[in-house]
Each structure stands twice: as C-alpha cells, then as structure tokens.
Amino acid sequence: MRKVALAALSAACWSASPSFAADTHLAKISFQPQVKGLSCLKPETLGMIKELTAKIGPIQITSTCGGRHARNSQHYRGNAIDFRPLATSPRNAAAAAKTIEAVGGVGSYSNGLVHVDVGDREIAWYGKKRSRRLAYAGRGR
C-alpha cells in the first residue's frame, strides 16, 4: 500500500484549521492514495484527530468525506475518518478513541481499520454490516 506523505499534499487542504497545519501532529498522519486531504473535515473532527494522534501515535487515514459509505454516514458530513493505527493495535486505538470527549462513534472492522466520528450519536460497533454488533455508549465510558 502506497502512503502519501502529508507534506506532499497541497497546503489548501489545511485551510479549515491553519493552527492544525502548523502543529507537530502532522508528522503522525499519512494517507492512502484515494484520500485527498482533510479540507472536507469540520474543525471538531480535526481537533479529534489531533487528540487521537497524541494518544496513540501515527495513523494512516484511509477514508474521509469521499468514497462509498452508508447513506447517512458521518463521513459525508465531515464528521468521520477511517484509519489504520501504525503504532498500536486496532483494539487499543478504538479504546483510546472512546476516551476522547468529542468522539460520538467508534467502530472497528475485521481488516484492522478503525472508524471514529464526532457525530451526535454515541455508538460503538465491530464487524461487517450484516454481522455488526452495536453498543450504545454513554459518556461515562
């Protein structure tokens, strides 16, 4: 899998949050080629990414706003990312994400990817669509 270094992306993708662009957390993010940057993400989502990488280390973002998602996906609203943790296990990454106040949903796929969103619902899930196990989580995680 080819990784696209963050430094190689256009500076325009950081226009939503210039302070995020100047941050050292940029060194902890890489992208799969189909991900065009973070410009579609809301500031709350960018803040969540910053806090997440501070907790778990580097990540490879595999999906933001584009691509194919469920009809009412938080991805289309700029509230979600899918990522592969590079310095810890997907299980540990999901557990760490659940401790972030802004996080509304955490999911993990059987292929090692983790979904995190800042949507309104507090939900956690694992697995593929047909066999997915859902658990509604309260803020007292």
C-alpha atoms as a PDB file:
ATOM      1  CA  MET A   1       0.000   0.000   0.000  1.00  0.00           C
ATOM      2  CA  ARG A   2       1.469   3.318  -1.062  1.00  0.00           C
ATOM      3  CA  LYS A   3       1.420   6.060   1.567  1.00  0.00           C
ATOM      4  CA  VAL A   4       1.194   9.693   0.597  1.00  0.00           C
ATOM      5  CA  ALA A   5       3.199  11.909   2.929  1.00  0.00           C
ATOM      6  CA  LEU A   6       1.272  14.767   4.435  1.00  0.00           C
ATOM      7  CA  ALA A   7       3.928  17.262   3.426  1.00  0.00           C
ATOM      8  CA  ALA A   8       3.303  16.420  -0.223  1.00  0.00           C
ATOM      9  CA  LEU A   9      -0.337  17.469  -0.029  1.00  0.00           C
ATOM     10  CA  SER A  10      -1.465  20.921  -1.018  1.00  0.00           C
ATOM     11  CA  ALA A  11      -1.448  23.489   1.776  1.00  0.00           C
ATOM     12  CA  ALA A  12      -5.013  24.306   0.739  1.00  0.00           C
ATOM     13  CA  CYS A  13      -6.242  21.147   2.420  1.00  0.00           C
ATOM     14  CA  TRP A  14      -5.429  22.743   5.776  1.00  0.00           C
ATOM     15  CA  SER A  15      -7.417  25.933   5.216  1.00  0.00           C
ATOM     16  CA  ALA A  16     -10.096  24.746   7.638  1.00  0.00           C
ATOM     17  CA  SER A  17      -7.637  24.889  10.519  1.00  0.00           C
ATOM     18  CA  PRO A  18      -4.341  26.748   9.978  1.00  0.00           C
ATOM     19  CA  SER A  19      -3.269  26.067  13.570  1.00  0.00           C
ATOM     20  CA  PHE A  20      -3.564  22.343  12.917  1.00  0.00           C
ATOM     21  CA  ALA A  21      -1.272  22.703   9.901  1.00  0.00           C
ATOM     22  CA  ALA A  22       1.452  24.300  11.995  1.00  0.00           C
ATOM     23  CA  ASP A  23       1.231  21.564  14.599  1.00  0.00           C
ATOM     24  CA  THR A  24       3.682  18.723  15.111  1.00  0.00           C
ATOM     25  CA  HIS A  25       0.821  16.226  14.795  1.00  0.00           C
ATOM     26  CA  LEU A  26       1.169  16.438  11.010  1.00  0.00           C
ATOM     27  CA  ALA A  27       4.163  14.146  11.220  1.00  0.00           C
ATOM     28  CA  LYS A  28       1.870  11.482  12.694  1.00  0.00           C
ATOM     29  CA  ILE A  29      -0.548  11.299   9.744  1.00  0.00           C
ATOM     30  CA  SER A  30      -0.222   9.624   6.364  1.00  0.00           C
ATOM     31  CA  PHE A  31      -2.862   8.929   3.744  1.00  0.00           C
ATOM     32  CA  GLN A  32      -3.788   6.184   1.342  1.00  0.00           C
ATOM     33  CA  PRO A  33      -3.716   7.494  -2.251  1.00  0.00           C
ATOM     34  CA  GLN A  34      -7.517   7.805  -2.579  1.00  0.00           C
ATOM     35  CA  VAL A  35      -7.678  10.278   0.324  1.00  0.00           C
ATOM     36  CA  LYS A  36      -7.229  13.806  -0.985  1.00  0.00           C
ATOM     37  CA  GLY A  37      -6.661  15.606   2.305  1.00  0.00           C
ATOM     38  CA  LEU A  38      -8.578  16.941   5.253  1.00  0.00           C
ATOM     39  CA  SER A  39     -10.196  20.076   3.815  1.00  0.00           C
ATOM     40  CA  CYS A  40     -13.654  18.481   3.893  1.00  0.00           C
ATOM     41  CA  LEU A  41     -13.467  17.784   7.624  1.00  0.00           C
ATOM     42  CA  LYS A  42     -15.042  20.013  10.253  1.00  0.00           C
ATOM     43  CA  PRO A  43     -12.813  21.729  12.837  1.00  0.00           C
ATOM     44  CA  GLU A  44     -14.164  19.411  15.548  1.00  0.00           C
ATOM     45  CA  THR A  45     -13.011  16.414  13.520  1.00  0.00           C
ATOM     46  CA  LEU A  46      -9.557  17.924  13.012  1.00  0.00           C
ATOM     47  CA  GLY A  47      -9.310  18.518  16.760  1.00  0.00           C
ATOM     48  CA  MET A  48     -10.298  14.915  17.400  1.00  0.00           C
ATOM     49  CA  ILE A  49      -7.556  13.711  15.010  1.00  0.00           C
ATOM     50  CA  LYS A  50      -5.016  15.852  16.840  1.00  0.00           C
ATOM     51  CA  GLU A  51      -6.044  14.421  20.216  1.00  0.00           C
ATOM     52  CA  LEU A  52      -6.160  10.875  18.840  1.00  0.00           C
ATOM     53  CA  THR A  53      -2.633  11.004  17.393  1.00  0.00           C
ATOM     54  CA  ALA A  54      -1.368  12.446  20.674  1.00  0.00           C
ATOM     55  CA  LYS A  55      -2.781   9.365  22.435  1.00  0.00           C
ATOM     56  CA  ILE A  56      -1.937   6.549  20.007  1.00  0.00           C
ATOM     57  CA  GLY A  57       0.831   7.840  17.755  1.00  0.00           C
ATOM     58  CA  PRO A  58       0.888   7.766  13.948  1.00  0.00           C
ATOM     59  CA  ILE A  59      -2.127   6.789  11.864  1.00  0.00           C
ATOM     60  CA  GLN A  60      -2.782   6.195   8.184  1.00  0.00           C
ATOM     61  CA  ILE A  61      -6.086   7.770   7.135  1.00  0.00           C
ATOM     62  CA  THR A  62      -7.932   5.535   4.688  1.00  0.00           C
ATOM     63  CA  SER A  63     -11.179   7.485   4.295  1.00  0.00           C
ATOM     64  CA  THR A  64     -12.553  10.956   4.988  1.00  0.00           C
ATOM     65  CA  CYS A  65     -15.505  12.517   3.130  1.00  0.00           C
ATOM     66  CA  GLY A  66     -15.215  10.862  -0.261  1.00  0.00           C
ATOM     67  CA  GLY A  67     -15.743   7.301  -1.314  1.00  0.00           C
ATOM     68  CA  ARG A  68     -18.615   4.935  -0.662  1.00  0.00           C
ATOM     69  CA  HIS A  69     -20.255   4.975   2.737  1.00  0.00           C
ATOM     70  CA  ALA A  70     -23.678   4.280   4.208  1.00  0.00           C
ATOM     71  CA  ARG A  71     -26.391   6.673   3.049  1.00  0.00           C
ATOM     72  CA  ASN A  72     -26.438   8.755   6.251  1.00  0.00           C
ATOM     73  CA  SER A  73     -22.756   8.336   7.046  1.00  0.00           C
ATOM     74  CA  GLN A  74     -20.962  10.842   9.249  1.00  0.00           C
ATOM     75  CA  HIS A  75     -18.233  10.794   6.574  1.00  0.00           C
ATOM     76  CA  TYR A  76     -20.452  12.815   4.202  1.00  0.00           C
ATOM     77  CA  ARG A  77     -20.929  15.456   6.907  1.00  0.00           C
ATOM     78  CA  GLY A  78     -17.184  15.900   7.513  1.00  0.00           C
ATOM     79  CA  ASN A  79     -17.515  14.285  10.926  1.00  0.00           C
ATOM     80  CA  ALA A  80     -15.656  10.986  10.433  1.00  0.00           C
ATOM     81  CA  ILE A  81     -12.457   9.268   9.393  1.00  0.00           C
ATOM     82  CA  ASP A  82     -11.398   5.675   8.944  1.00  0.00           C
ATOM     83  CA  PHE A  83      -7.783   4.938   9.774  1.00  0.00           C
ATOM     84  CA  ARG A  84      -5.182   2.272  10.354  1.00  0.00           C
ATOM     85  CA  PRO A  85      -3.199   2.702  13.593  1.00  0.00           C
ATOM     86  CA  LEU A  86       0.534   2.372  12.917  1.00  0.00           C
ATOM     87  CA  ALA A  87       1.934   2.173  16.455  1.00  0.00           C
ATOM     88  CA  THR A  88      -0.727   0.187  18.326  1.00  0.00           C
ATOM     89  CA  SER A  89      -3.398  -2.424  17.737  1.00  0.00           C
ATOM     90  CA  PRO A  90      -6.823  -1.522  16.324  1.00  0.00           C
ATOM     91  CA  ARG A  91      -8.359  -2.634  19.631  1.00  0.00           C
ATOM     92  CA  ASN A  92      -6.148  -0.251  21.632  1.00  0.00           C
ATOM     93  CA  ALA A  93      -6.780   2.550  19.128  1.00  0.00           C
ATOM     94  CA  ALA A  94     -10.558   2.107  19.429  1.00  0.00           C
ATOM     95  CA  ALA A  95     -10.334   2.053  23.226  1.00  0.00           C
ATOM     96  CA  ALA A  96      -8.255   5.250  23.220  1.00  0.00           C
ATOM     97  CA  ALA A  97     -10.697   6.939  20.829  1.00  0.00           C
ATOM     98  CA  LYS A  98     -13.579   6.207  23.205  1.00  0.00           C
ATOM     99  CA  THR A  99     -11.840   8.286  25.883  1.00  0.00           C
ATOM    100  CA  ILE A 100     -11.867  11.432  23.722  1.00  0.00           C
ATOM    101  CA  GLU A 101     -14.738  13.708  24.754  1.00  0.00           C
ATOM    102  CA  ALA A 102     -15.582  14.828  21.199  1.00  0.00           C
ATOM    103  CA  VAL A 103     -15.944  11.279  19.872  1.00  0.00           C
ATOM    104  CA  GLY A 104     -19.508  10.169  19.243  1.00  0.00           C
ATOM    105  CA  GLY A 105     -18.919   6.876  17.464  1.00  0.00           C
ATOM    106  CA  VAL A 106     -16.142   4.312  17.278  1.00  0.00           C
ATOM    107  CA  GLY A 107     -16.144   1.255  15.088  1.00  0.00           C
ATOM    108  CA  SER A 108     -13.619  -1.347  14.123  1.00  0.00           C
ATOM    109  CA  TYR A 109     -13.505  -3.530  11.054  1.00  0.00           C
ATOM    110  CA  SER A 110     -12.187  -7.065  10.847  1.00  0.00           C
ATOM    111  CA  ASN A 111      -9.490  -5.834   8.403  1.00  0.00           C
ATOM    112  CA  GLY A 112      -7.781  -3.711  11.086  1.00  0.00           C
ATOM    113  CA  LEU A 113      -9.319  -0.336  10.221  1.00  0.00           C
ATOM    114  CA  VAL A 114     -10.935   1.871  12.843  1.00  0.00           C
ATOM    115  CA  HIS A 115     -13.797   4.342  12.275  1.00  0.00           C
ATOM    116  CA  VAL A 116     -14.082   7.398  14.518  1.00  0.00           C
ATOM    117  CA  ASP A 117     -16.645  10.191  14.261  1.00  0.00           C
ATOM    118  CA  VAL A 118     -17.741  13.283  16.126  1.00  0.00           C
ATOM    119  CA  GLY A 119     -21.412  12.769  15.293  1.00  0.00           C
ATOM    120  CA  ASP A 120     -24.313  13.240  17.671  1.00  0.00           C
ATOM    121  CA  ARG A 121     -24.957   9.585  18.475  1.00  0.00           C
ATOM    122  CA  GLU A 122     -22.703   7.722  20.846  1.00  0.00           C
ATOM    123  CA  ILE A 123     -22.268   4.299  19.296  1.00  0.00           C
ATOM    124  CA  ALA A 124     -19.631   1.595  19.066  1.00  0.00           C
ATOM    125  CA  TRP A 125     -19.574  -1.323  16.618  1.00  0.00           C
ATOM    126  CA  TYR A 126     -17.448  -4.102  15.264  1.00  0.00           C
ATOM    127  CA  GLY A 127     -17.540  -6.133  12.071  1.00  0.00           C
ATOM    128  CA  LYS A 128     -19.203  -6.076   8.695  1.00  0.00           C
ATOM    129  CA  LYS A 129     -22.634  -4.637   8.020  1.00  0.00           C
ATOM    130  CA  ARG A 130     -24.651  -7.868   8.223  1.00  0.00           C
ATOM    131  CA  SER A 131     -22.963  -9.206  11.340  1.00  0.00           C
ATOM    132  CA  ARG A 132     -22.299  -5.908  13.070  1.00  0.00           C
ATOM    133  CA  ARG A 133     -22.649  -5.749  16.821  1.00  0.00           C
ATOM    134  CA  LEU A 134     -23.819  -2.375  18.090  1.00  0.00           C
ATOM    135  CA  ALA A 135     -23.392  -0.960  21.548  1.00  0.00           C
ATOM    136  CA  TYR A 136     -24.699   2.437  22.511  1.00  0.00           C
ATOM    137  CA  ALA A 137     -22.168   4.032  24.793  1.00  0.00           C
ATOM    138  CA  GLY A 138     -22.746   6.745  27.350  1.00  0.00           C
ATOM    139  CA  ARG A 139     -20.268   9.496  28.137  1.00  0.00           C
ATOM    140  CA  GLY A 140     -19.188   7.584  31.223  1.00  0.00           C
ATOM    141  CA  ARG A 141     -17.046   5.241  29.116  1.00  0.00           C
END
